[in-house]
Amino acid sequence: MKVGLISDVHANAPALNAVLADMPAVDAVVHAGDVVGYNPYPNAVVDTFQQEDVTSISGNHDRAVTGDTEFGFHSVAGQAVDWTQEALRDDSYRYVADLPVEDEPVDGVHLAHGAPGAPDRYTYPEEFTGDLLPDDVDSLVLGHTHVQGMEEFLEGVVVNPGSVGQPRDGDPRAGYAVVDVDSLDVELRRVEYPIERVQENIRREEGLPDSLADRLDRGR
């Protein structure tokens, strides 16, 4: 069984569409949090998640938009949260509000945004250890850092598929991964998407800071 792994879409519909079009045949697609925030297409992303049966947990931005986090946001991220609250349709808001903090949607695959039991903790690839894996879990999928990486351990694999919507590892292409849950083989993948179109739409929206557009083509 193969599972597509995505994270941190952050309301970037063109990047999400590029990833789903590039992804090889999989049995399921799961998302490690932050459906919304930063980018200008929150409703379109929610629609695609529902249409494509993507299973997601919540990220810190999702919880901020629905008023369920104590995570501290800098001014730019906070402005994006405020804009997203105004932009979301009622049904999209309910979808985001109902996302679980952690989940095991596929047998042996555990989703946690920051780390198991610590959804807001940044866990970078150099900090991956086998001890992070919960009991009876072979594949742990993390997000939050927007940095793609994977490590294999005797206990299983820990993967951050990278950010679909706002990579921060120096590569502006949308990141994702595919895991074979039987062999635990993981393929880290990147795909180009129309960054300029997203940048234009960010700059067009009153309330979204231009700096969110500026960072996309730098992967920072």
C-alpha atoms as a PDB file:
ATOM      1  CA  MET A   1       0.000   0.000   0.000  1.00  0.00           C
ATOM      2  CA  LYS A   2       1.336   3.423  -0.971  1.00  0.00           C
ATOM      3  CA  VAL A   3       0.354   6.656   0.751  1.00  0.00           C
ATOM      4  CA  GLY A   4       0.931  10.193  -0.497  1.00  0.00           C
ATOM      5  CA  LEU A   5       2.270  12.474   2.233  1.00  0.00           C
ATOM      6  CA  ILE A   6       1.722  16.227   2.172  1.00  0.00           C
ATOM      7  CA  SER A   7       1.865  19.014   4.736  1.00  0.00           C
ATOM      8  CA  ASP A   8       1.605  22.765   5.179  1.00  0.00           C
ATOM      9  CA  VAL A   9      -0.457  23.513   2.089  1.00  0.00           C
ATOM     10  CA  HIS A  10      -1.247  26.916   3.619  1.00  0.00           C
ATOM     11  CA  ALA A  11      -4.052  27.869   1.234  1.00  0.00           C
ATOM     12  CA  ASN A  12      -1.838  27.543  -1.849  1.00  0.00           C
ATOM     13  CA  ALA A  13      -4.205  25.914  -4.332  1.00  0.00           C
ATOM     14  CA  PRO A  14      -1.918  26.059  -7.408  1.00  0.00           C
ATOM     15  CA  ALA A  15       0.842  24.286  -5.483  1.00  0.00           C
ATOM     16  CA  LEU A  16      -1.597  21.668  -4.169  1.00  0.00           C
ATOM     17  CA  ASN A  17      -2.970  21.034  -7.649  1.00  0.00           C
ATOM     18  CA  ALA A  18       0.557  20.613  -9.026  1.00  0.00           C
ATOM     19  CA  VAL A  19       1.429  18.109  -6.303  1.00  0.00           C
ATOM     20  CA  LEU A  20      -1.705  16.036  -6.817  1.00  0.00           C
ATOM     21  CA  ALA A  21      -1.149  16.016 -10.593  1.00  0.00           C
ATOM     22  CA  ASP A  22       2.491  14.932 -10.164  1.00  0.00           C
ATOM     23  CA  MET A  23       1.856  12.310  -7.479  1.00  0.00           C
ATOM     24  CA  PRO A  24       2.133   8.689  -8.645  1.00  0.00           C
ATOM     25  CA  ALA A  25      -0.722   6.281  -8.009  1.00  0.00           C
ATOM     26  CA  VAL A  26      -1.367   5.972  -4.263  1.00  0.00           C
ATOM     27  CA  ASP A  27      -4.049   4.373  -2.114  1.00  0.00           C
ATOM     28  CA  ALA A  28      -4.530   7.410   0.125  1.00  0.00           C
ATOM     29  CA  VAL A  29      -3.296  10.980   0.625  1.00  0.00           C
ATOM     30  CA  VAL A  30      -2.721  12.356   4.132  1.00  0.00           C
ATOM     31  CA  HIS A  31      -1.819  15.867   5.294  1.00  0.00           C
ATOM     32  CA  ALA A  32       0.132  16.773   8.447  1.00  0.00           C
ATOM     33  CA  GLY A  33      -1.556  20.086   9.178  1.00  0.00           C
ATOM     34  CA  ASP A  34      -1.890  23.754   8.222  1.00  0.00           C
ATOM     35  CA  VAL A  35      -4.508  23.616   5.536  1.00  0.00           C
ATOM     36  CA  VAL A  36      -4.852  27.415   5.632  1.00  0.00           C
ATOM     37  CA  GLY A  37      -2.790  30.516   6.399  1.00  0.00           C
ATOM     38  CA  TYR A  38      -0.399  32.740   4.412  1.00  0.00           C
ATOM     39  CA  ASN A  39      -1.805  32.228   0.900  1.00  0.00           C
ATOM     40  CA  PRO A  40      -4.985  33.465  -0.832  1.00  0.00           C
ATOM     41  CA  TYR A  41      -6.963  30.308  -1.692  1.00  0.00           C
ATOM     42  CA  PRO A  42      -8.293  28.840   1.593  1.00  0.00           C
ATOM     43  CA  ASN A  43     -11.714  27.832   0.277  1.00  0.00           C
ATOM     44  CA  ALA A  44     -10.303  26.257  -2.880  1.00  0.00           C
ATOM     45  CA  VAL A  45      -7.893  24.153  -0.826  1.00  0.00           C
ATOM     46  CA  VAL A  46     -10.643  22.950   1.501  1.00  0.00           C
ATOM     47  CA  ASP A  47     -12.756  22.066  -1.537  1.00  0.00           C
ATOM     48  CA  THR A  48      -9.895  20.052  -3.060  1.00  0.00           C
ATOM     49  CA  PHE A  49      -9.219  18.213   0.194  1.00  0.00           C
ATOM     50  CA  GLN A  50     -12.850  17.140   0.325  1.00  0.00           C
ATOM     51  CA  GLN A  51     -13.107  16.291  -3.367  1.00  0.00           C
ATOM     52  CA  GLU A  52      -9.883  14.267  -3.355  1.00  0.00           C
ATOM     53  CA  ASP A  53     -10.578  12.637   0.032  1.00  0.00           C
ATOM     54  CA  VAL A  54      -7.385  13.995   1.617  1.00  0.00           C
ATOM     55  CA  THR A  55      -7.210  13.159   5.324  1.00  0.00           C
ATOM     56  CA  SER A  56      -5.797  16.017   7.388  1.00  0.00           C
ATOM     57  CA  ILE A  57      -4.995  16.984  10.932  1.00  0.00           C
ATOM     58  CA  SER A  58      -4.909  20.572  12.171  1.00  0.00           C
ATOM     59  CA  GLY A  59      -1.842  22.780  12.256  1.00  0.00           C
ATOM     60  CA  ASN A  60      -1.171  25.827  14.380  1.00  0.00           C
ATOM     61  CA  HIS A  61      -2.537  28.153  11.683  1.00  0.00           C
ATOM     62  CA  ASP A  62      -5.713  26.102  11.370  1.00  0.00           C
ATOM     63  CA  ARG A  63      -6.232  26.314  15.112  1.00  0.00           C
ATOM     64  CA  ALA A  64      -5.450  30.039  15.135  1.00  0.00           C
ATOM     65  CA  VAL A  65      -8.045  30.731  12.463  1.00  0.00           C
ATOM     66  CA  THR A  66     -10.670  28.912  14.541  1.00  0.00           C
ATOM     67  CA  GLY A  67      -9.515  30.468  17.828  1.00  0.00           C
ATOM     68  CA  ASP A  68      -8.110  27.282  19.346  1.00  0.00           C
ATOM     69  CA  THR A  69      -4.412  27.872  20.002  1.00  0.00           C
ATOM     70  CA  GLU A  70      -2.052  29.696  22.324  1.00  0.00           C
ATOM     71  CA  PHE A  71       0.707  29.635  19.679  1.00  0.00           C
ATOM     72  CA  GLY A  72       2.398  33.022  19.338  1.00  0.00           C
ATOM     73  CA  PHE A  73       2.305  34.544  15.857  1.00  0.00           C
ATOM     74  CA  HIS A  74       4.505  37.322  14.506  1.00  0.00           C
ATOM     75  CA  SER A  75       2.718  40.241  12.883  1.00  0.00           C
ATOM     76  CA  VAL A  76       2.818  38.944   9.298  1.00  0.00           C
ATOM     77  CA  ALA A  77       1.434  35.522  10.203  1.00  0.00           C
ATOM     78  CA  GLY A  78      -1.144  37.173  12.446  1.00  0.00           C
ATOM     79  CA  GLN A  79      -2.332  39.413   9.612  1.00  0.00           C
ATOM     80  CA  ALA A  80      -2.730  36.310   7.438  1.00  0.00           C
ATOM     81  CA  VAL A  81      -4.765  34.639  10.189  1.00  0.00           C
ATOM     82  CA  ASP A  82      -7.071  37.676  10.362  1.00  0.00           C
ATOM     83  CA  TRP A  83      -7.463  37.735   6.569  1.00  0.00           C
ATOM     84  CA  THR A  84      -8.213  34.008   6.461  1.00  0.00           C
ATOM     85  CA  GLN A  85     -10.894  34.306   9.131  1.00  0.00           C
ATOM     86  CA  GLU A  86     -12.681  36.818   6.930  1.00  0.00           C
ATOM     87  CA  ALA A  87     -12.142  34.880   3.698  1.00  0.00           C
ATOM     88  CA  LEU A  88     -13.334  31.433   4.784  1.00  0.00           C
ATOM     89  CA  ARG A  89     -16.859  30.395   3.905  1.00  0.00           C
ATOM     90  CA  ASP A  90     -18.894  28.994   6.789  1.00  0.00           C
ATOM     91  CA  ASP A  91     -18.570  25.411   5.546  1.00  0.00           C
ATOM     92  CA  SER A  92     -14.806  25.788   5.085  1.00  0.00           C
ATOM     93  CA  TYR A  93     -14.503  27.208   8.602  1.00  0.00           C
ATOM     94  CA  ARG A  94     -16.374  24.201  10.014  1.00  0.00           C
ATOM     95  CA  TYR A  95     -14.099  21.823   8.101  1.00  0.00           C
ATOM     96  CA  VAL A  96     -10.977  23.448   9.541  1.00  0.00           C
ATOM     97  CA  ALA A  97     -12.451  23.665  13.046  1.00  0.00           C
ATOM     98  CA  ASP A  98     -13.293  19.951  13.058  1.00  0.00           C
ATOM     99  CA  LEU A  99      -9.799  18.700  12.167  1.00  0.00           C
ATOM    100  CA  PRO A 100      -8.184  16.487  14.846  1.00  0.00           C
ATOM    101  CA  VAL A 101      -4.846  17.470  16.377  1.00  0.00           C
ATOM    102  CA  GLU A 102      -3.344  14.020  15.660  1.00  0.00           C
ATOM    103  CA  ASP A 103      -4.556  11.001  13.740  1.00  0.00           C
ATOM    104  CA  GLU A 104      -3.660   7.552  12.435  1.00  0.00           C
ATOM    105  CA  PRO A 105      -5.759   7.463   9.260  1.00  0.00           C
ATOM    106  CA  VAL A 106      -3.818   4.552   7.766  1.00  0.00           C
ATOM    107  CA  ASP A 107      -2.679   1.517   9.740  1.00  0.00           C
ATOM    108  CA  GLY A 108       0.885   2.163  10.912  1.00  0.00           C
ATOM    109  CA  VAL A 109       0.923   5.821   9.794  1.00  0.00           C
ATOM    110  CA  HIS A 110       0.707   8.542  12.460  1.00  0.00           C
ATOM    111  CA  LEU A 111       0.150  12.231  11.670  1.00  0.00           C
ATOM    112  CA  ALA A 112       1.401  14.941  14.049  1.00  0.00           C
ATOM    113  CA  HIS A 113       1.992  18.543  13.057  1.00  0.00           C
ATOM    114  CA  GLY A 114       4.964  19.353  15.302  1.00  0.00           C
ATOM    115  CA  ALA A 115       5.612  16.129  17.234  1.00  0.00           C
ATOM    116  CA  PRO A 116       3.455  13.473  18.892  1.00  0.00           C
ATOM    117  CA  GLY A 117       1.808  15.065  21.902  1.00  0.00           C
ATOM    118  CA  ALA A 118       3.412  18.433  21.096  1.00  0.00           C
ATOM    119  CA  PRO A 119       1.597  19.897  18.069  1.00  0.00           C
ATOM    120  CA  ASP A 120       3.373  23.268  18.157  1.00  0.00           C
ATOM    121  CA  ARG A 121       6.939  22.001  18.626  1.00  0.00           C
ATOM    122  CA  TYR A 122       9.285  22.520  15.690  1.00  0.00           C
ATOM    123  CA  THR A 123      11.044  19.212  14.967  1.00  0.00           C
ATOM    124  CA  TYR A 124      13.638  19.603  12.221  1.00  0.00           C
ATOM    125  CA  PRO A 125      15.020  16.609  10.282  1.00  0.00           C
ATOM    126  CA  GLU A 126      18.289  16.702  12.227  1.00  0.00           C
ATOM    127  CA  GLU A 127      16.200  16.161  15.374  1.00  0.00           C
ATOM    128  CA  PHE A 128      14.414  13.056  14.087  1.00  0.00           C
ATOM    129  CA  THR A 129      14.892   9.985  16.306  1.00  0.00           C
ATOM    130  CA  GLY A 130      13.267   6.610  16.579  1.00  0.00           C
ATOM    131  CA  ASP A 131      11.980   7.611  20.005  1.00  0.00           C
ATOM    132  CA  LEU A 132       9.525   9.970  18.313  1.00  0.00           C
ATOM    133  CA  LEU A 133       7.564   7.050  16.886  1.00  0.00           C
ATOM    134  CA  PRO A 134       4.482   6.137  18.950  1.00  0.00           C
ATOM    135  CA  ASP A 135       3.939   2.486  19.842  1.00  0.00           C
ATOM    136  CA  ASP A 136       2.761   0.290  16.981  1.00  0.00           C
ATOM    137  CA  VAL A 137       3.566   3.014  14.431  1.00  0.00           C
ATOM    138  CA  ASP A 138       5.963   2.365  11.545  1.00  0.00           C
ATOM    139  CA  SER A 139       5.671   5.745   9.795  1.00  0.00           C
ATOM    140  CA  LEU A 140       5.514   9.089  11.589  1.00  0.00           C
ATOM    141  CA  VAL A 141       4.604  12.072   9.389  1.00  0.00           C
ATOM    142  CA  LEU A 142       5.424  15.550  10.697  1.00  0.00           C
ATOM    143  CA  GLY A 143       5.048  19.070   9.309  1.00  0.00           C
ATOM    144  CA  HIS A 144       5.334  22.555  10.830  1.00  0.00           C
ATOM    145  CA  THR A 145       8.991  23.302   9.908  1.00  0.00           C
ATOM    146  CA  HIS A 146       8.388  23.459   6.120  1.00  0.00           C
ATOM    147  CA  VAL A 147      11.693  21.571   5.747  1.00  0.00           C
ATOM    148  CA  GLN A 148      11.672  18.301   3.817  1.00  0.00           C
ATOM    149  CA  GLY A 149      13.506  15.348   5.331  1.00  0.00           C
ATOM    150  CA  MET A 150      13.378  11.672   6.221  1.00  0.00           C
ATOM    151  CA  GLU A 151      15.259   9.336   8.551  1.00  0.00           C
ATOM    152  CA  GLU A 152      15.073   5.568   8.945  1.00  0.00           C
ATOM    153  CA  PHE A 153      15.359   3.859  12.339  1.00  0.00           C
ATOM    154  CA  LEU A 154      14.923   0.356  13.703  1.00  0.00           C
ATOM    155  CA  GLU A 155      11.529   1.496  14.995  1.00  0.00           C
ATOM    156  CA  GLY A 156      10.393   2.823  11.598  1.00  0.00           C
ATOM    157  CA  VAL A 157      10.623   5.998   9.512  1.00  0.00           C
ATOM    158  CA  VAL A 158      10.090   9.650  10.401  1.00  0.00           C
ATOM    159  CA  VAL A 159       9.174  11.875   7.451  1.00  0.00           C
ATOM    160  CA  ASN A 160       8.523  15.526   6.873  1.00  0.00           C
ATOM    161  CA  PRO A 161       7.245  15.679   3.287  1.00  0.00           C
ATOM    162  CA  GLY A 162       8.073  19.377   3.135  1.00  0.00           C
ATOM    163  CA  SER A 163       5.654  22.206   2.615  1.00  0.00           C
ATOM    164  CA  VAL A 164       3.350  22.235  -0.369  1.00  0.00           C
ATOM    165  CA  GLY A 165       2.469  25.894  -0.043  1.00  0.00           C
ATOM    166  CA  GLN A 166       5.461  27.686   1.476  1.00  0.00           C
ATOM    167  CA  PRO A 167       8.754  25.725   1.452  1.00  0.00           C
ATOM    168  CA  ARG A 168      11.505  27.015   3.735  1.00  0.00           C
ATOM    169  CA  ASP A 169      14.432  24.756   2.838  1.00  0.00           C
ATOM    170  CA  GLY A 170      15.808  26.878   0.007  1.00  0.00           C
ATOM    171  CA  ASP A 171      13.896  25.047  -2.732  1.00  0.00           C
ATOM    172  CA  PRO A 172      10.784  26.972  -3.832  1.00  0.00           C
ATOM    173  CA  ARG A 173       9.185  23.948  -5.478  1.00  0.00           C
ATOM    174  CA  ALA A 174       6.270  22.311  -3.680  1.00  0.00           C
ATOM    175  CA  GLY A 175       7.373  19.365  -1.563  1.00  0.00           C
ATOM    176  CA  TYR A 176       5.693  16.044  -0.893  1.00  0.00           C
ATOM    177  CA  ALA A 177       6.541  12.391  -0.324  1.00  0.00           C
ATOM    178  CA  VAL A 178       5.257   8.881  -0.969  1.00  0.00           C
ATOM    179  CA  VAL A 179       5.653   6.010   1.506  1.00  0.00           C
ATOM    180  CA  ASP A 180       5.162   2.308   0.910  1.00  0.00           C
ATOM    181  CA  VAL A 181       3.687   1.258   4.246  1.00  0.00           C
ATOM    182  CA  ASP A 182       4.743  -2.361   3.751  1.00  0.00           C
ATOM    183  CA  SER A 183       8.420  -1.866   2.832  1.00  0.00           C
ATOM    184  CA  LEU A 184       8.719   1.587   4.498  1.00  0.00           C
ATOM    185  CA  ASP A 185      10.431   2.892   1.366  1.00  0.00           C
ATOM    186  CA  VAL A 186      10.039   6.685   1.209  1.00  0.00           C
ATOM    187  CA  GLU A 187      10.424   8.870  -1.868  1.00  0.00           C
ATOM    188  CA  LEU A 188      10.857  12.596  -1.324  1.00  0.00           C
ATOM    189  CA  ARG A 189       9.609  14.592  -4.311  1.00  0.00           C
ATOM    190  CA  ARG A 190       9.431  18.230  -5.525  1.00  0.00           C
ATOM    191  CA  VAL A 191       7.339  19.790  -8.254  1.00  0.00           C
ATOM    192  CA  GLU A 192       7.211  23.249  -9.818  1.00  0.00           C
ATOM    193  CA  TYR A 193       4.030  25.306  -9.723  1.00  0.00           C
ATOM    194  CA  PRO A 194       3.052  28.802 -10.988  1.00  0.00           C
ATOM    195  CA  ILE A 195       4.594  30.846  -8.164  1.00  0.00           C
ATOM    196  CA  GLU A 196       4.128  34.133 -10.008  1.00  0.00           C
ATOM    197  CA  ARG A 197       0.362  33.647 -10.149  1.00  0.00           C
ATOM    198  CA  VAL A 198       0.201  33.063  -6.387  1.00  0.00           C
ATOM    199  CA  GLN A 199       2.379  36.109  -5.758  1.00  0.00           C
ATOM    200  CA  GLU A 200       0.123  38.293  -7.893  1.00  0.00           C
ATOM    201  CA  ASN A 201      -2.960  37.144  -5.999  1.00  0.00           C
ATOM    202  CA  ILE A 202      -1.342  37.710  -2.600  1.00  0.00           C
ATOM    203  CA  ARG A 203      -0.451  41.276  -3.578  1.00  0.00           C
ATOM    204  CA  ARG A 204      -3.966  41.834  -4.863  1.00  0.00           C
ATOM    205  CA  GLU A 205      -5.577  40.917  -1.539  1.00  0.00           C
ATOM    206  CA  GLU A 206      -5.874  43.722   0.972  1.00  0.00           C
ATOM    207  CA  GLY A 207      -4.774  42.338   4.319  1.00  0.00           C
ATOM    208  CA  LEU A 208      -2.169  39.854   3.068  1.00  0.00           C
ATOM    209  CA  PRO A 209       1.338  41.355   3.464  1.00  0.00           C
ATOM    210  CA  ASP A 210       3.480  41.557   0.306  1.00  0.00           C
ATOM    211  CA  SER A 211       6.298  39.807   2.173  1.00  0.00           C
ATOM    212  CA  LEU A 212       4.312  36.571   1.927  1.00  0.00           C
ATOM    213  CA  ALA A 213       4.582  36.834  -1.854  1.00  0.00           C
ATOM    214  CA  ASP A 214       8.241  37.838  -1.803  1.00  0.00           C
ATOM    215  CA  ARG A 215       9.348  34.723   0.076  1.00  0.00           C
ATOM    216  CA  LEU A 216       7.748  32.144  -2.223  1.00  0.00           C
ATOM    217  CA  ASP A 217      10.303  32.209  -5.038  1.00  0.00           C
ATOM    218  CA  ARG A 218      13.160  32.060  -2.530  1.00  0.00           C
ATOM    219  CA  GLY A 219      11.919  29.015  -0.639  1.00  0.00           C
ATOM    220  CA  ARG A 220      12.383  30.825   2.680  1.00  0.00           C
END
